[in-house]
Protein backbone atom coordinates (compact mmCIF):
# COMPACT_ATOMS: atom_id res chain seq x y z
CA MET A 1 49.42 -15.10 25.81
CA PHE A 2 53.10 -15.94 26.48
CA LYS A 3 54.36 -13.28 24.03
CA LYS A 4 56.81 -11.87 26.54
CA LEU A 5 58.33 -15.29 27.22
CA PHE A 6 58.74 -16.08 23.55
CA GLY A 7 60.45 -12.85 22.62
CA ALA A 8 57.78 -10.77 20.83
CA GLY A 9 59.32 -7.33 20.67
CA LYS A 10 62.33 -6.57 22.85
CA PRO A 11 62.80 -9.44 25.34
CA GLU A 12 62.90 -8.78 29.06
CA PRO A 13 66.09 -9.78 30.82
CA LEU A 14 65.90 -13.11 32.63
CA GLN A 15 65.59 -12.74 36.39
CA THR A 16 65.46 -15.33 39.14
CA ARG A 17 63.12 -15.29 42.14
CA LEU A 18 62.62 -18.88 43.23
CA ASP A 19 59.16 -19.41 44.66
CA PRO A 20 59.40 -21.25 48.01
CA ARG A 21 56.08 -23.01 47.32
CA PHE A 22 58.04 -25.19 44.91
CA THR A 23 61.37 -25.56 46.72
CA ASP A 24 60.04 -25.84 50.28
CA GLY A 25 56.53 -27.22 49.84
CA SER A 26 55.10 -30.70 49.37
CA LEU A 27 56.74 -30.96 45.92
CA SER A 28 60.22 -30.00 47.13
CA GLU A 29 61.73 -33.39 46.27
CA PHE A 30 61.18 -32.57 42.57
CA PHE A 31 62.86 -29.14 42.68
CA ILE A 32 66.32 -27.77 43.41
CA LYS A 33 67.53 -24.44 44.74
CA VAL A 34 69.94 -22.66 42.42
CA SER A 35 71.31 -19.16 42.80
CA ALA A 36 70.35 -16.42 40.38
CA ALA A 37 74.03 -15.97 39.55
CA LYS A 38 74.37 -19.62 38.46
CA ILE A 39 71.23 -19.49 36.33
CA ASP A 40 72.24 -16.19 34.75
CA GLY A 41 75.78 -17.45 34.19
CA VAL A 42 74.71 -20.34 31.97
CA MET A 43 71.82 -18.84 30.05
CA GLY A 44 74.15 -17.18 27.53
CA ASP A 45 74.84 -20.70 26.23
CA TRP A 46 71.17 -20.95 25.19
CA GLY A 47 71.47 -18.19 22.55
CA ASP A 48 68.08 -17.13 21.21
CA LEU A 49 66.48 -20.06 23.06
CA LYS A 50 67.07 -18.18 26.32
CA PRO A 51 63.68 -17.26 27.77
CA ALA A 52 62.74 -13.83 29.07
CA GLY A 53 60.92 -13.28 32.35
CA THR A 54 61.49 -14.58 35.86
CA VAL A 55 62.64 -18.06 36.85
CA ILE A 56 60.36 -19.22 39.68
CA ALA A 57 61.44 -22.87 39.95
CA VAL A 58 64.10 -25.31 38.76
CA THR A 59 63.26 -29.01 38.52
CA ALA A 60 65.51 -31.84 39.68
CA PHE A 61 66.34 -32.33 35.96
CA GLY A 62 67.29 -28.66 35.56
CA ASP A 63 64.20 -27.55 33.64
CA LEU A 64 63.21 -23.96 34.37
CA PHE A 65 59.72 -22.65 35.07
CA VAL A 66 59.60 -19.02 33.93
CA THR A 67 56.86 -16.41 34.34
CA ASP A 68 56.26 -13.41 32.12
CA ALA A 69 55.12 -9.98 33.34
CA ASP A 70 51.48 -11.17 33.25
CA GLY A 71 52.23 -14.24 35.39
CA ASN A 72 51.94 -16.84 32.60
CA VAL A 73 54.24 -19.81 33.20
CA ALA A 74 56.32 -21.65 30.60
CA MET A 75 58.85 -24.45 31.08
CA LEU A 76 62.26 -24.42 29.45
CA ASP A 77 62.49 -28.13 28.68
CA THR A 78 66.18 -29.07 28.76
CA ILE A 79 65.50 -32.45 27.15
CA GLU A 80 63.78 -31.07 24.06
CA GLY A 81 65.31 -27.58 24.06
CA LYS A 82 61.92 -25.89 23.89
CA LEU A 83 59.99 -23.33 25.88
CA ASN A 84 56.51 -24.76 26.43
CA PRO A 85 53.55 -22.88 27.94
CA VAL A 86 52.21 -24.79 30.95
CA ALA A 87 49.98 -22.55 33.08
CA GLU A 88 48.44 -19.12 33.33
CA SER A 89 49.90 -18.52 36.80
CA PRO A 90 52.18 -20.10 39.39
CA GLU A 91 49.05 -21.01 41.39
CA GLN A 92 47.61 -22.85 38.40
CA LEU A 93 50.93 -24.67 37.94
CA LEU A 94 50.88 -25.77 41.59
CA ALA A 95 47.31 -27.04 41.12
CA LEU A 96 48.33 -28.95 37.97
CA LEU A 97 51.23 -30.54 39.84
CA GLU A 98 48.86 -32.08 42.39
CA ASP A 99 48.14 -34.65 39.66
CA GLU A 100 50.68 -37.51 39.53
CA GLN A 101 50.45 -37.75 35.73
CA LYS A 102 51.37 -34.04 35.45
CA GLN A 103 54.22 -34.62 37.93
CA ASP A 104 55.59 -37.33 35.64
CA GLU A 105 55.07 -35.22 32.51
CA LEU A 106 56.54 -31.95 33.79
CA LEU A 107 58.88 -33.03 36.59
CA LEU A 108 59.90 -36.56 35.51
CA ALA A 109 58.74 -37.55 38.98
CA GLY A 110 59.02 -41.29 38.37
CA PHE A 111 62.69 -40.92 37.43
CA VAL A 112 63.37 -38.67 40.43
CA LEU A 113 61.73 -41.04 42.91
CA GLY A 114 63.48 -44.04 41.35
CA ALA A 115 66.84 -42.31 41.46
CA ARG A 116 66.44 -41.39 45.10
CA SER A 117 65.42 -44.92 46.05
CA ASP A 118 68.56 -46.15 44.23
CA GLY A 119 70.74 -43.79 46.28
CA LYS A 120 71.20 -41.12 43.60
CA THR A 121 70.54 -38.10 45.79
CA LEU A 122 71.27 -34.52 44.84
CA GLY A 123 73.69 -32.27 46.67
CA GLU A 124 73.82 -28.50 46.55
CA GLY A 125 74.06 -27.22 42.98
CA GLU A 126 73.33 -30.63 41.44
CA CYS A 127 70.61 -31.98 39.17
CA TYR A 128 69.93 -35.10 37.16
CA ASP A 129 70.93 -35.37 33.50
CA PHE A 130 70.63 -37.97 30.77
CA THR A 131 73.96 -38.98 29.29
CA PRO A 132 74.13 -39.02 26.38
CA PRO A 133 71.20 -36.64 26.04
CA PRO A 134 68.07 -37.82 24.23
CA ILE A 135 68.54 -35.13 21.54
CA LEU A 136 71.74 -36.98 20.58
CA GLY A 137 70.10 -40.41 20.66
CA GLY A 138 70.48 -41.29 24.34
CA PRO A 139 67.57 -43.28 25.78
CA MET A 140 65.30 -41.86 28.45
CA THR A 141 65.86 -44.71 30.88
CA PRO A 142 66.90 -44.83 34.54
CA GLU A 143 70.22 -46.40 33.51
CA ASN A 144 70.99 -43.41 31.29
CA PHE A 145 71.00 -40.57 33.79
CA GLU A 146 73.32 -39.42 36.49
CA VAL A 147 73.82 -36.74 39.10
CA THR A 148 75.68 -33.78 37.64
CA ASP A 149 76.47 -30.14 38.31
CA PHE A 150 73.56 -27.85 37.33
CA VAL A 151 75.83 -25.28 35.65
CA VAL A 152 77.63 -27.93 33.59
CA LYS A 153 74.36 -29.58 32.52
CA MET A 154 72.73 -26.28 31.52
CA SER A 155 75.80 -25.03 29.69
CA ILE A 156 76.23 -28.23 27.68
CA ALA A 157 72.49 -28.57 26.97
CA GLY A 158 72.26 -24.97 25.77
CA GLN A 159 75.26 -25.35 23.49
CA ILE A 160 73.85 -28.56 22.00
CA PHE A 161 70.41 -27.08 21.35
CA VAL A 162 71.82 -23.93 19.74
CA GLN A 163 73.71 -26.18 17.30
CA VAL A 164 70.85 -28.57 16.45
CA LYS A 165 67.71 -26.39 16.73
CA ASP A 166 67.35 -25.81 12.99
CA LEU A 167 68.06 -29.39 11.89
CA PRO A 168 65.17 -31.47 10.56
CA PRO A 169 64.06 -34.39 12.77
CA GLY A 170 66.11 -37.52 12.15
CA THR A 171 69.20 -35.68 10.94
CA LYS A 172 72.39 -37.59 11.74
CA ILE A 173 74.59 -35.42 13.94
CA GLY A 174 78.25 -35.92 13.22
CA GLU A 175 79.81 -33.41 15.59
CA ILE A 176 78.88 -31.13 18.48
CA LYS A 177 81.29 -28.50 19.77
CA ILE A 178 81.23 -27.73 23.51
CA THR A 179 83.26 -24.84 24.93
CA ASP A 180 84.08 -23.80 28.51
C-alpha cells in the first residue's frame, strides 16, 4: 500500500484535482483552494520529498492530501517534512475527519479556529505558517504563526526540508539557504 506515493519504481508526476468535498463541504474552513499551477510551481523545491499522485486537498496550513492510482491517501506534512499515509480512500479520509481529534491532528483545527476568531482570516492564495518553523526550533503556539502566501510558504518549507532531512534529531542547524 502507498508504494506509488512513496516513489517505488518510477514516480508518477504530481497532478492536482481538488476534491470539492473538502473545499466546499462542511470542513471547508480547514481547507484552501490553490491552483494546480501554483502547487506544481513550488513542488520542485521539495526535491525527492515531492510526492507522486494527485493532490485532492490543501489544508489551511498548506499540507497536501495526495492520492495514488489506487486511491490511497497520504498527507505531505509541511511541519515535519514527511509524507504520512492517512486513509485508504478520500471517502475514508472524510469519515476520519468527522472526528474532532482527527481534525486537530491532521488539520490543526484548533489553531485554525483560534486564528479566525482572532481575526487572522485567509485571503485567496494564502495559508497559515509557523514562523520560525518548528523544524528550526519555532514553537507550535498560536503566537508563532501568521497568514502568508501559499507559494512562499511551500517554497521555503521545501527548501528547508531538503537541507535538513538527513540530519540526526537534535542537530544544531547553523545555516539554511533559501533561494527565489
